């Protein structure tokens, strides 16, 4: 879909934003990972892979291989959606570890390594340790996604993960509001729709 909007990054967690790479924002389902080019574009928007690596992989990938990686990403997304929905709304228990085999298998295949590089932030000494990654095959595009999912599992308070209450909305987010009262993916979208629907209901009830 050439005229689709940019992917949503509203969850305050890249792992949850990955789940939101398929959504129904305007009553029509959009899958930003519908093919290899979609996967590459989503990774670029998420800043999960350097532009030079995405460009090189796109140029040298054999026909159909990027699409295969996108299909694997979609399968990973739906597996992780099941995990999140099974555990969201309450603290994640240690027993959940036995369900994380598929994710740990992906992390095991990651070709990440560390290097000393020139410091970019201007703080401290001239060097810093940075994580780099070998990008040998289209399947390596799954590695930064797996890392984002792992960080979600380890760092997020699952008790604060919410599903948007909007009609037909499928977006999920981490509620970081002070009193944990966030109800909508975005107030400008589902929140306003709900307010308008409530207003119409009050008008109808008053007639």
N, C-alpha and C. Protein backbone atom coordinates (compact mmCIF):
# COMPACT_ATOMS: atom_id res chain seq x y z
N UNK A 1 0.86 -1.19 0.00
CA UNK A 1 0.00 0.00 0.00
C UNK A 1 0.89 1.23 0.00
N UNK A 2 0.89 1.95 -1.11
CA UNK A 2 1.82 3.04 -1.26
C UNK A 2 1.42 4.28 -0.48
N UNK A 3 0.11 4.45 -0.24
CA UNK A 3 -0.34 5.67 0.40
C UNK A 3 -0.60 5.49 1.89
N UNK A 4 -0.06 4.44 2.47
CA UNK A 4 -0.30 4.23 3.89
C UNK A 4 0.48 5.26 4.70
N UNK A 5 -0.04 5.59 5.90
CA UNK A 5 0.65 6.57 6.76
C UNK A 5 1.90 5.96 7.36
N UNK A 6 2.75 6.79 7.97
CA UNK A 6 3.91 6.24 8.68
C UNK A 6 3.46 5.30 9.79
N UNK A 7 4.32 4.35 10.11
CA UNK A 7 4.00 3.41 11.18
C UNK A 7 3.82 4.14 12.51
N UNK A 8 3.08 3.51 13.41
CA UNK A 8 2.81 4.11 14.71
C UNK A 8 3.92 3.78 15.70
N UNK A 9 4.37 4.79 16.42
CA UNK A 9 5.31 4.61 17.52
C UNK A 9 4.76 5.38 18.71
N UNK A 10 3.75 4.79 19.32
CA UNK A 10 2.99 5.46 20.38
C UNK A 10 3.04 4.69 21.70
N UNK A 11 3.74 3.56 21.71
CA UNK A 11 3.63 2.64 22.84
C UNK A 11 4.59 2.95 23.99
N UNK A 12 5.57 3.83 23.76
CA UNK A 12 6.62 4.08 24.76
C UNK A 12 7.43 2.82 25.02
N UNK A 13 7.45 1.91 24.07
CA UNK A 13 8.24 0.68 24.16
C UNK A 13 8.38 0.15 22.73
N UNK A 14 9.61 0.00 22.25
CA UNK A 14 9.79 -0.48 20.88
C UNK A 14 9.23 -1.88 20.69
N UNK A 15 9.34 -2.71 21.73
CA UNK A 15 8.78 -4.04 21.63
C UNK A 15 7.28 -4.02 21.39
N UNK A 16 6.58 -3.14 22.08
CA UNK A 16 5.14 -3.00 21.88
C UNK A 16 4.84 -2.29 20.56
N UNK A 17 5.68 -1.35 20.17
CA UNK A 17 5.50 -0.71 18.87
C UNK A 17 5.60 -1.72 17.74
N UNK A 18 6.42 -2.76 17.93
CA UNK A 18 6.51 -3.82 16.93
C UNK A 18 5.15 -4.51 16.77
N UNK A 19 4.45 -4.74 17.88
CA UNK A 19 3.11 -5.30 17.80
C UNK A 19 2.17 -4.38 17.03
N UNK A 20 2.41 -3.08 17.16
CA UNK A 20 1.55 -2.10 16.50
C UNK A 20 1.91 -1.87 15.03
N UNK A 21 2.81 -2.72 14.50
CA UNK A 21 3.14 -2.60 13.07
C UNK A 21 2.04 -3.18 12.19
N UNK A 22 1.00 -3.69 12.80
CA UNK A 22 -0.25 -3.97 12.10
C UNK A 22 -1.35 -3.31 12.93
N UNK A 23 -2.22 -2.58 12.28
CA UNK A 23 -3.22 -1.81 13.03
C UNK A 23 -4.39 -1.46 12.12
N UNK A 24 -5.46 -0.99 12.74
CA UNK A 24 -6.65 -0.56 12.00
C UNK A 24 -6.98 0.87 12.41
N UNK A 25 -6.14 1.82 12.02
CA UNK A 25 -6.32 3.18 12.53
C UNK A 25 -7.51 3.92 11.91
N UNK A 26 -7.85 3.58 10.67
CA UNK A 26 -8.92 4.30 9.98
C UNK A 26 -9.93 3.32 9.41
N UNK A 27 -10.25 2.29 10.21
CA UNK A 27 -11.21 1.26 9.84
C UNK A 27 -10.75 0.35 8.71
N UNK A 28 -9.51 0.49 8.30
CA UNK A 28 -8.91 -0.39 7.30
C UNK A 28 -7.60 -0.91 7.87
N UNK A 29 -7.43 -2.23 7.87
CA UNK A 29 -6.22 -2.80 8.44
C UNK A 29 -5.00 -2.48 7.58
N UNK A 30 -3.93 -2.06 8.24
CA UNK A 30 -2.67 -1.77 7.57
C UNK A 30 -1.59 -2.62 8.22
N UNK A 31 -0.83 -3.33 7.39
CA UNK A 31 0.30 -4.12 7.88
C UNK A 31 1.57 -3.53 7.31
N UNK A 32 2.35 -2.89 8.17
CA UNK A 32 3.58 -2.25 7.70
C UNK A 32 4.68 -3.26 7.42
N UNK A 33 4.46 -4.53 7.76
CA UNK A 33 5.43 -5.58 7.49
C UNK A 33 4.91 -6.52 6.41
N UNK A 34 4.16 -5.98 5.47
CA UNK A 34 3.51 -6.82 4.46
C UNK A 34 4.47 -7.39 3.43
N UNK A 35 5.71 -7.00 3.44
CA UNK A 35 6.71 -7.52 2.52
C UNK A 35 8.09 -7.05 2.92
N UNK A 36 9.08 -7.46 2.15
CA UNK A 36 10.45 -7.11 2.48
C UNK A 36 10.69 -5.62 2.54
N UNK A 37 10.15 -4.88 1.58
CA UNK A 37 10.35 -3.43 1.58
C UNK A 37 9.67 -2.79 2.78
N UNK A 38 8.52 -3.35 3.19
CA UNK A 38 7.84 -2.84 4.37
C UNK A 38 8.65 -3.07 5.64
N UNK A 39 9.26 -4.26 5.74
CA UNK A 39 10.09 -4.56 6.90
C UNK A 39 11.28 -3.61 6.97
N UNK A 40 11.94 -3.38 5.83
CA UNK A 40 13.08 -2.47 5.80
C UNK A 40 12.65 -1.06 6.20
N UNK A 41 11.51 -0.61 5.68
CA UNK A 41 11.02 0.74 6.00
C UNK A 41 10.68 0.86 7.48
N UNK A 42 10.07 -0.19 8.05
CA UNK A 42 9.70 -0.12 9.48
C UNK A 42 10.96 -0.07 10.34
N UNK A 43 11.96 -0.88 10.02
CA UNK A 43 13.21 -0.87 10.78
C UNK A 43 13.87 0.50 10.71
N UNK A 44 13.80 1.14 9.55
CA UNK A 44 14.38 2.47 9.40
C UNK A 44 13.63 3.47 10.27
N UNK A 45 12.30 3.42 10.26
CA UNK A 45 11.51 4.33 11.07
C UNK A 45 11.75 4.10 12.56
N UNK A 46 11.94 2.83 12.94
CA UNK A 46 12.17 2.50 14.35
C UNK A 46 13.61 2.76 14.77
N UNK A 47 14.47 3.09 13.82
CA UNK A 47 15.89 3.31 14.09
C UNK A 47 16.53 2.08 14.72
N UNK A 48 16.16 0.91 14.21
CA UNK A 48 16.69 -0.34 14.74
C UNK A 48 17.81 -0.91 13.89
N UNK A 49 18.08 -0.32 12.76
CA UNK A 49 19.16 -0.78 11.89
C UNK A 49 19.72 0.42 11.15
N UNK A 50 21.05 0.47 10.98
CA UNK A 50 21.64 1.62 10.28
C UNK A 50 21.26 1.64 8.81
N UNK A 51 21.17 2.83 8.28
CA UNK A 51 20.74 3.00 6.89
C UNK A 51 21.65 2.25 5.92
N UNK A 52 22.97 2.27 6.18
CA UNK A 52 23.88 1.62 5.25
C UNK A 52 23.66 0.11 5.22
N UNK A 53 23.32 -0.49 6.37
CA UNK A 53 23.06 -1.93 6.41
C UNK A 53 21.77 -2.27 5.68
N UNK A 54 20.74 -1.47 5.88
CA UNK A 54 19.47 -1.71 5.18
C UNK A 54 19.65 -1.57 3.67
N UNK A 55 20.42 -0.58 3.25
CA UNK A 55 20.65 -0.37 1.84
C UNK A 55 21.43 -1.55 1.24
N UNK A 56 22.48 -1.98 1.93
CA UNK A 56 23.30 -3.08 1.42
C UNK A 56 22.51 -4.37 1.34
N UNK A 57 21.73 -4.67 2.36
CA UNK A 57 20.93 -5.89 2.34
C UNK A 57 19.89 -5.84 1.23
N UNK A 58 19.27 -4.70 1.04
CA UNK A 58 18.27 -4.56 -0.02
C UNK A 58 18.89 -4.79 -1.39
N UNK A 59 20.09 -4.30 -1.58
CA UNK A 59 20.75 -4.41 -2.89
C UNK A 59 21.24 -5.82 -3.19
N UNK A 60 21.69 -6.55 -2.19
CA UNK A 60 22.30 -7.85 -2.47
C UNK A 60 21.41 -9.04 -2.15
N UNK A 61 20.25 -8.81 -1.57
CA UNK A 61 19.37 -9.93 -1.21
C UNK A 61 18.87 -10.63 -2.46
N UNK A 62 18.87 -11.95 -2.41
CA UNK A 62 18.33 -12.75 -3.51
C UNK A 62 16.83 -12.52 -3.60
N UNK A 63 16.24 -12.69 -4.79
CA UNK A 63 14.80 -12.47 -4.94
C UNK A 63 13.99 -13.27 -3.93
N UNK A 64 13.08 -12.60 -3.27
CA UNK A 64 12.19 -13.26 -2.33
C UNK A 64 12.71 -13.39 -0.92
N UNK A 65 14.02 -13.18 -0.71
CA UNK A 65 14.59 -13.39 0.62
C UNK A 65 14.14 -12.34 1.63
N UNK A 66 14.02 -11.10 1.20
CA UNK A 66 13.52 -10.08 2.12
C UNK A 66 12.06 -10.33 2.47
N UNK A 67 11.30 -10.82 1.49
CA UNK A 67 9.90 -11.16 1.77
C UNK A 67 9.83 -12.31 2.77
N UNK A 68 10.76 -13.27 2.67
CA UNK A 68 10.80 -14.37 3.64
C UNK A 68 11.09 -13.84 5.04
N UNK A 69 12.02 -12.90 5.13
CA UNK A 69 12.33 -12.31 6.43
C UNK A 69 11.12 -11.57 6.99
N UNK A 70 10.38 -10.89 6.11
CA UNK A 70 9.18 -10.19 6.56
C UNK A 70 8.13 -11.18 7.07
N UNK A 71 8.00 -12.31 6.40
CA UNK A 71 7.05 -13.33 6.87
C UNK A 71 7.46 -13.86 8.24
N UNK A 72 8.76 -14.04 8.44
CA UNK A 72 9.25 -14.47 9.76
C UNK A 72 8.98 -13.40 10.81
N UNK A 73 9.14 -12.15 10.42
CA UNK A 73 8.87 -11.05 11.36
C UNK A 73 7.39 -11.03 11.74
N UNK A 74 6.52 -11.27 10.78
CA UNK A 74 5.08 -11.28 11.09
C UNK A 74 4.73 -12.43 12.03
N UNK A 75 5.35 -13.60 11.80
CA UNK A 75 5.11 -14.73 12.69
C UNK A 75 5.62 -14.43 14.10
N UNK A 76 6.79 -13.80 14.18
CA UNK A 76 7.34 -13.41 15.49
C UNK A 76 6.41 -12.42 16.18
N UNK A 77 5.89 -11.48 15.41
CA UNK A 77 4.98 -10.47 15.96
C UNK A 77 3.75 -11.11 16.58
N UNK A 78 3.15 -12.07 15.88
CA UNK A 78 1.93 -12.66 16.39
C UNK A 78 2.21 -13.59 17.57
N UNK A 79 3.38 -14.25 17.57
CA UNK A 79 3.76 -15.04 18.75
C UNK A 79 3.91 -14.11 19.96
N UNK A 80 4.60 -12.99 19.78
CA UNK A 80 4.82 -12.08 20.90
C UNK A 80 3.52 -11.42 21.33
N UNK A 81 2.61 -11.16 20.40
CA UNK A 81 1.32 -10.59 20.76
C UNK A 81 0.59 -11.55 21.71
N UNK A 82 0.64 -12.85 21.40
CA UNK A 82 0.00 -13.82 22.27
C UNK A 82 0.61 -13.82 23.66
N UNK A 83 1.95 -13.71 23.72
CA UNK A 83 2.62 -13.66 25.01
C UNK A 83 2.21 -12.43 25.80
N UNK A 84 2.22 -11.27 25.15
CA UNK A 84 1.89 -10.02 25.84
C UNK A 84 0.45 -10.05 26.32
N UNK A 85 -0.48 -10.45 25.48
CA UNK A 85 -1.89 -10.45 25.86
C UNK A 85 -2.16 -11.45 26.98
N UNK A 86 -1.39 -12.53 27.02
CA UNK A 86 -1.58 -13.51 28.09
C UNK A 86 -1.11 -13.00 29.44
N UNK A 87 -0.18 -12.03 29.43
CA UNK A 87 0.44 -11.60 30.70
C UNK A 87 0.19 -10.13 31.05
N UNK A 88 -0.32 -9.33 30.12
CA UNK A 88 -0.49 -7.91 30.39
C UNK A 88 -1.53 -7.69 31.49
N UNK A 89 -1.35 -6.56 32.19
CA UNK A 89 -2.30 -6.21 33.24
C UNK A 89 -1.91 -6.70 34.62
N UNK A 90 -0.81 -7.43 34.71
CA UNK A 90 -0.32 -7.91 36.01
C UNK A 90 1.19 -8.10 35.91
N UNK A 91 1.89 -8.11 37.03
CA UNK A 91 3.34 -8.30 36.98
C UNK A 91 3.70 -9.61 36.30
N UNK A 92 4.76 -9.58 35.52
CA UNK A 92 5.21 -10.77 34.82
C UNK A 92 5.85 -11.74 35.82
N UNK A 93 5.37 -12.96 35.85
CA UNK A 93 5.87 -13.96 36.79
C UNK A 93 7.08 -14.68 36.22
N UNK A 94 7.92 -15.19 37.10
CA UNK A 94 9.14 -15.88 36.66
C UNK A 94 8.82 -17.13 35.85
N UNK A 95 7.65 -17.71 36.07
CA UNK A 95 7.26 -18.91 35.34
C UNK A 95 7.10 -18.65 33.84
N UNK A 96 6.97 -17.38 33.46
CA UNK A 96 6.80 -17.05 32.04
C UNK A 96 8.05 -17.35 31.23
N UNK A 97 9.17 -17.57 31.91
CA UNK A 97 10.43 -17.83 31.21
C UNK A 97 10.31 -19.04 30.28
N UNK A 98 9.56 -20.04 30.67
CA UNK A 98 9.47 -21.24 29.86
C UNK A 98 8.75 -20.98 28.53
N UNK A 99 8.04 -19.88 28.43
CA UNK A 99 7.35 -19.54 27.19
C UNK A 99 8.22 -18.77 26.21
N UNK A 100 9.41 -18.39 26.65
CA UNK A 100 10.24 -17.48 25.86
C UNK A 100 11.29 -18.18 25.02
N UNK A 101 11.14 -19.48 24.82
CA UNK A 101 12.09 -20.22 24.01
C UNK A 101 12.28 -19.68 22.61
N UNK A 102 11.22 -19.35 21.88
CA UNK A 102 11.40 -18.82 20.52
C UNK A 102 12.21 -17.53 20.49
N UNK A 103 12.00 -16.68 21.49
CA UNK A 103 12.73 -15.42 21.53
C UNK A 103 14.20 -15.66 21.89
N UNK A 104 14.45 -16.52 22.85
CA UNK A 104 15.83 -16.83 23.21
C UNK A 104 16.58 -17.48 22.05
N UNK A 105 15.89 -18.26 21.24
CA UNK A 105 16.54 -18.88 20.08
C UNK A 105 16.99 -17.82 19.08
N UNK A 106 16.16 -16.81 18.87
CA UNK A 106 16.55 -15.71 17.99
C UNK A 106 17.72 -14.93 18.55
N UNK A 107 17.69 -14.67 19.84
CA UNK A 107 18.78 -13.92 20.47
C UNK A 107 20.10 -14.69 20.38
N UNK A 108 20.03 -16.00 20.44
CA UNK A 108 21.23 -16.82 20.36
C UNK A 108 21.90 -16.68 18.99
N UNK A 109 21.11 -16.46 17.96
CA UNK A 109 21.65 -16.36 16.59
C UNK A 109 22.15 -14.95 16.26
N UNK A 110 21.98 -14.01 17.17
CA UNK A 110 22.37 -12.63 16.90
C UNK A 110 23.89 -12.52 16.74
N UNK A 111 24.32 -11.82 15.70
CA UNK A 111 25.74 -11.62 15.44
C UNK A 111 26.17 -10.22 15.88
N UNK A 112 25.79 -9.87 17.09
CA UNK A 112 26.17 -8.57 17.64
C UNK A 112 27.54 -8.67 18.31
N UNK A 113 28.26 -7.57 18.32
CA UNK A 113 29.56 -7.51 18.98
C UNK A 113 29.80 -6.07 19.43
N UNK A 114 30.84 -5.87 20.20
CA UNK A 114 31.14 -4.53 20.71
C UNK A 114 32.45 -4.02 20.15
N UNK A 115 32.48 -2.71 19.97
CA UNK A 115 33.66 -2.05 19.44
C UNK A 115 33.93 -0.77 20.18
N UNK A 116 35.20 -0.37 20.21
CA UNK A 116 35.55 0.96 20.70
C UNK A 116 35.40 1.93 19.55
N UNK A 117 34.67 3.00 19.78
CA UNK A 117 34.41 3.98 18.73
C UNK A 117 34.57 5.39 19.29
N UNK A 118 34.68 6.35 18.39
CA UNK A 118 34.76 7.75 18.81
C UNK A 118 33.46 8.15 19.48
N UNK A 119 33.56 8.83 20.62
CA UNK A 119 32.37 9.26 21.35
C UNK A 119 31.66 10.37 20.58
N UNK A 120 30.34 10.23 20.47
CA UNK A 120 29.55 11.19 19.71
C UNK A 120 28.87 12.24 20.57
N UNK A 121 28.69 11.95 21.88
CA UNK A 121 27.91 12.86 22.71
C UNK A 121 28.74 13.97 23.35
N UNK A 122 30.06 13.93 23.17
CA UNK A 122 30.90 14.98 23.72
C UNK A 122 31.12 14.92 25.21
N UNK A 123 30.66 13.86 25.86
CA UNK A 123 30.81 13.73 27.31
C UNK A 123 31.90 12.71 27.62
N UNK A 124 32.67 12.96 28.68
CA UNK A 124 33.68 12.00 29.09
C UNK A 124 34.88 12.00 28.15
N UNK A 125 35.53 10.87 28.03
CA UNK A 125 36.72 10.73 27.20
C UNK A 125 36.38 10.69 25.72
N UNK A 126 37.40 10.46 24.88
CA UNK A 126 37.18 10.51 23.43
C UNK A 126 36.52 9.26 22.86
N UNK A 127 36.46 8.16 23.65
CA UNK A 127 35.96 6.90 23.12
C UNK A 127 34.78 6.38 23.94
N UNK A 128 34.05 5.47 23.30
CA UNK A 128 32.96 4.79 23.97
C UNK A 128 32.84 3.38 23.39
N UNK A 129 32.21 2.49 24.14
CA UNK A 129 31.95 1.15 23.65
C UNK A 129 30.57 1.14 22.99
N UNK A 130 30.53 0.71 21.75
CA UNK A 130 29.27 0.67 21.02
C UNK A 130 29.00 -0.75 20.55
N UNK A 131 27.75 -1.10 20.51
CA UNK A 131 27.35 -2.40 19.98
C UNK A 131 27.14 -2.30 18.48
N UNK A 132 27.75 -3.19 17.76
CA UNK A 132 27.58 -3.27 16.31
C UNK A 132 27.03 -4.65 15.97
N UNK A 133 26.70 -4.86 14.72
CA UNK A 133 26.07 -6.12 14.33
C UNK A 133 26.48 -6.47 12.91
N UNK A 134 26.72 -7.74 12.67
CA UNK A 134 26.95 -8.20 11.31
C UNK A 134 25.60 -8.37 10.61
N UNK A 135 25.51 -7.89 9.41
CA UNK A 135 24.26 -7.95 8.64
C UNK A 135 24.50 -8.83 7.42
N UNK A 136 24.60 -10.15 7.65
CA UNK A 136 24.98 -11.06 6.57
C UNK A 136 23.81 -11.43 5.67
N UNK A 137 22.64 -11.61 6.26
CA UNK A 137 21.49 -12.11 5.51
C UNK A 137 20.25 -11.30 5.86
N UNK A 138 19.19 -11.39 5.06
CA UNK A 138 17.94 -10.72 5.44
C UNK A 138 17.41 -11.16 6.80
N UNK A 139 17.69 -12.41 7.19
CA UNK A 139 17.21 -12.88 8.50
C UNK A 139 17.87 -12.12 9.65
N UNK A 140 19.04 -11.52 9.39
CA UNK A 140 19.69 -10.74 10.45
C UNK A 140 18.87 -9.52 10.83
N UNK A 141 17.90 -9.14 9.98
CA UNK A 141 17.03 -8.01 10.31
C UNK A 141 16.13 -8.33 11.50
N UNK A 142 15.98 -9.61 11.81
CA UNK A 142 15.16 -9.99 12.96
C UNK A 142 15.88 -9.77 14.28
N UNK A 143 17.23 -9.69 14.23
CA UNK A 143 18.01 -9.60 15.46
C UNK A 143 17.68 -8.35 16.29
N UNK A 144 17.66 -7.14 15.71
CA UNK A 144 17.34 -5.98 16.55
C UNK A 144 15.90 -5.99 17.03
N UNK A 145 15.02 -6.63 16.28
CA UNK A 145 13.63 -6.77 16.74
C UNK A 145 13.59 -7.68 17.96
N UNK A 146 14.31 -8.80 17.88
CA UNK A 146 14.36 -9.72 19.01
C UNK A 146 14.91 -9.02 20.26
N UNK A 147 15.93 -8.18 20.06
CA UNK A 147 16.49 -7.45 21.20
C UNK A 147 15.46 -6.50 21.80
N UNK A 148 14.69 -5.82 20.94
CA UNK A 148 13.65 -4.91 21.44
C UNK A 148 12.59 -5.68 22.22
N UNK A 149 12.23 -6.87 21.74
CA UNK A 149 11.24 -7.67 22.45
C UNK A 149 11.80 -8.14 23.79
N UNK A 150 13.07 -8.53 23.80
CA UNK A 150 13.69 -8.97 25.05
C UNK A 150 13.72 -7.83 26.07
N UNK A 151 14.03 -6.63 25.61
CA UNK A 151 14.04 -5.48 26.53
C UNK A 151 12.64 -5.21 27.07
N UNK A 152 11.64 -5.40 26.23
CA UNK A 152 10.26 -5.23 26.69
C UNK A 152 9.95 -6.23 27.79
N UNK A 153 10.33 -7.49 27.59
CA UNK A 153 10.07 -8.53 28.59
C UNK A 153 10.79 -8.22 29.90
N UNK A 154 12.03 -7.77 29.80
CA UNK A 154 12.86 -7.59 30.99
C UNK A 154 12.66 -6.24 31.69
N UNK A 155 12.30 -5.22 30.92
CA UNK A 155 12.29 -3.86 31.48
C UNK A 155 10.90 -3.30 31.73
N UNK A 156 9.89 -3.80 31.02
CA UNK A 156 8.56 -3.22 31.16
C UNK A 156 7.82 -3.82 32.35
N UNK A 157 7.02 -3.00 32.99
CA UNK A 157 6.09 -3.46 34.02
C UNK A 157 4.84 -3.94 33.29
N UNK A 158 4.66 -5.24 33.19
CA UNK A 158 3.53 -5.78 32.44
C UNK A 158 2.20 -5.37 33.05
N UNK A 159 2.20 -5.00 34.32
CA UNK A 159 0.97 -4.53 34.94
C UNK A 159 0.50 -3.22 34.32
N UNK A 160 1.41 -2.50 33.65
CA UNK A 160 1.08 -1.20 33.06
C UNK A 160 0.88 -1.27 31.55
N UNK A 161 0.90 -2.46 30.99
CA UNK A 161 0.65 -2.59 29.55
C UNK A 161 -0.85 -2.61 29.33
N UNK A 162 -1.31 -1.78 28.42
CA UNK A 162 -2.73 -1.61 28.17
C UNK A 162 -3.04 -1.78 26.67
N UNK A 163 -4.26 -2.15 26.41
CA UNK A 163 -4.80 -2.12 25.05
C UNK A 163 -5.67 -0.88 24.93
N UNK A 164 -5.57 -0.20 23.80
CA UNK A 164 -6.40 0.98 23.58
C UNK A 164 -7.87 0.60 23.65
N UNK A 165 -8.67 1.47 24.27
CA UNK A 165 -10.09 1.21 24.42
C UNK A 165 -10.91 1.68 23.22
N UNK A 166 -10.23 2.18 22.21
CA UNK A 166 -10.94 2.66 21.02
C UNK A 166 -11.64 1.54 20.28
N UNK A 167 -12.78 1.87 19.68
CA UNK A 167 -13.55 0.90 18.91
C UNK A 167 -12.71 0.38 17.75
N UNK A 168 -12.52 -0.93 17.71
CA UNK A 168 -11.77 -1.63 16.66
C UNK A 168 -10.27 -1.35 16.69
N UNK A 169 -9.80 -0.54 17.62
CA UNK A 169 -8.37 -0.25 17.68
C UNK A 169 -7.64 -1.44 18.29
N UNK A 170 -6.52 -1.79 17.70
CA UNK A 170 -5.73 -2.94 18.17
C UNK A 170 -4.42 -2.53 18.81
N UNK A 171 -4.17 -1.23 18.98
CA UNK A 171 -2.88 -0.76 19.46
C UNK A 171 -2.70 -1.03 20.95
N UNK A 172 -1.46 -1.33 21.32
CA UNK A 172 -1.08 -1.64 22.69
C UNK A 172 -0.01 -0.65 23.11
N UNK A 173 0.01 -0.30 24.40
CA UNK A 173 1.00 0.68 24.86
C UNK A 173 1.36 0.41 26.31
N UNK A 174 2.47 1.01 26.73
CA UNK A 174 2.87 1.00 28.14
C UNK A 174 2.35 2.28 28.77
N UNK A 175 1.54 2.14 29.78
CA UNK A 175 0.94 3.30 30.45
C UNK A 175 1.93 3.88 31.45
N UNK A 176 2.52 5.00 31.09
CA UNK A 176 3.49 5.65 31.97
C UNK A 176 2.92 6.89 32.66
N UNK A 177 1.62 7.09 32.58
CA UNK A 177 1.02 8.23 33.25
C UNK A 177 1.11 8.05 34.76
N UNK A 178 1.08 9.16 35.48
CA UNK A 178 1.29 9.12 36.93
C UNK A 178 0.31 8.23 37.66
N UNK A 179 -0.95 8.27 37.27
CA UNK A 179 -1.98 7.49 37.97
C UNK A 179 -2.44 6.29 37.16
N UNK A 180 -1.70 5.95 36.10
CA UNK A 180 -2.02 4.80 35.25
C UNK A 180 -3.46 4.87 34.74
N UNK A 181 -3.78 6.03 34.13
CA UNK A 181 -5.14 6.24 33.64
C UNK A 181 -5.20 6.42 32.12
N UNK A 182 -4.13 6.10 31.44
CA UNK A 182 -4.15 6.23 29.98
C UNK A 182 -5.11 5.20 29.39
N UNK A 183 -6.00 5.66 28.52
CA UNK A 183 -7.00 4.77 27.94
C UNK A 183 -6.86 4.63 26.43
N UNK A 184 -6.20 5.60 25.81
CA UNK A 184 -6.20 5.65 24.35
C UNK A 184 -4.78 5.56 23.80
N UNK A 185 -4.68 5.01 22.60
CA UNK A 185 -3.38 5.00 21.91
C UNK A 185 -2.92 6.43 21.69
N UNK A 186 -3.82 7.25 21.17
CA UNK A 186 -3.56 8.68 20.99
C UNK A 186 -4.86 9.43 21.23
N UNK A 187 -4.80 10.50 22.01
CA UNK A 187 -6.00 11.28 22.27
C UNK A 187 -6.53 11.88 20.98
N UNK A 188 -5.62 12.24 20.06
CA UNK A 188 -6.03 12.87 18.81
C UNK A 188 -6.75 11.90 17.89
N UNK A 189 -6.65 10.60 18.17
CA UNK A 189 -7.29 9.63 17.30
C UNK A 189 -8.43 8.96 18.04
N UNK A 190 -8.15 7.92 18.79
CA UNK A 190 -9.22 7.18 19.46
C UNK A 190 -9.87 7.97 20.58
N UNK A 191 -9.10 8.80 21.28
CA UNK A 191 -9.67 9.60 22.35
C UNK A 191 -10.73 10.55 21.84
N UNK A 192 -10.43 11.25 20.76
CA UNK A 192 -11.40 12.17 20.19
C UNK A 192 -12.61 11.45 19.61
N UNK A 193 -12.38 10.29 19.02
CA UNK A 193 -13.51 9.50 18.52
C UNK A 193 -14.46 9.14 19.65
N UNK A 194 -13.90 8.74 20.78
CA UNK A 194 -14.72 8.36 21.93
C UNK A 194 -15.49 9.57 22.46
N UNK A 195 -14.84 10.73 22.52
CA UNK A 195 -15.51 11.94 22.99
C UNK A 195 -16.65 12.31 22.06
N UNK A 196 -16.43 12.22 20.75
CA UNK A 196 -17.48 12.54 19.79
C UNK A 196 -18.65 11.56 19.89
N UNK A 197 -18.32 10.27 20.07
CA UNK A 197 -19.38 9.27 20.21
C UNK A 197 -20.20 9.52 21.48
N UNK A 198 -19.52 9.87 22.57
CA UNK A 198 -20.23 10.16 23.82
C UNK A 198 -21.11 11.39 23.67
N UNK A 199 -20.62 12.40 22.94
CA UNK A 199 -21.40 13.61 22.70
C UNK A 199 -22.65 13.29 21.89
N UNK A 200 -22.50 12.47 20.86
CA UNK A 200 -23.66 12.09 20.05
C UNK A 200 -24.66 11.31 20.89
N UNK A 201 -24.16 10.47 21.76
CA UNK A 201 -25.05 9.68 22.62
C UNK A 201 -25.84 10.58 23.57
N UNK A 202 -25.18 11.60 24.12
CA UNK A 202 -25.88 12.53 25.02
C UNK A 202 -26.94 13.32 24.27
N UNK A 203 -26.62 13.73 23.06
CA UNK A 203 -27.61 14.48 22.26
C UNK A 203 -28.81 13.60 21.95
N UNK A 204 -28.54 12.35 21.59
CA UNK A 204 -29.63 11.44 21.27
C UNK A 204 -30.49 11.16 22.49
N UNK A 205 -29.84 11.00 23.66
CA UNK A 205 -30.59 10.72 24.88
C UNK A 205 -31.42 11.90 25.31
N UNK A 206 -31.00 13.12 24.95
CA UNK A 206 -31.70 14.32 25.37
C UNK A 206 -32.90 14.65 24.50
N UNK A 207 -33.00 14.01 23.35
CA UNK A 207 -34.12 14.32 22.47
C UNK A 207 -35.42 13.69 22.96
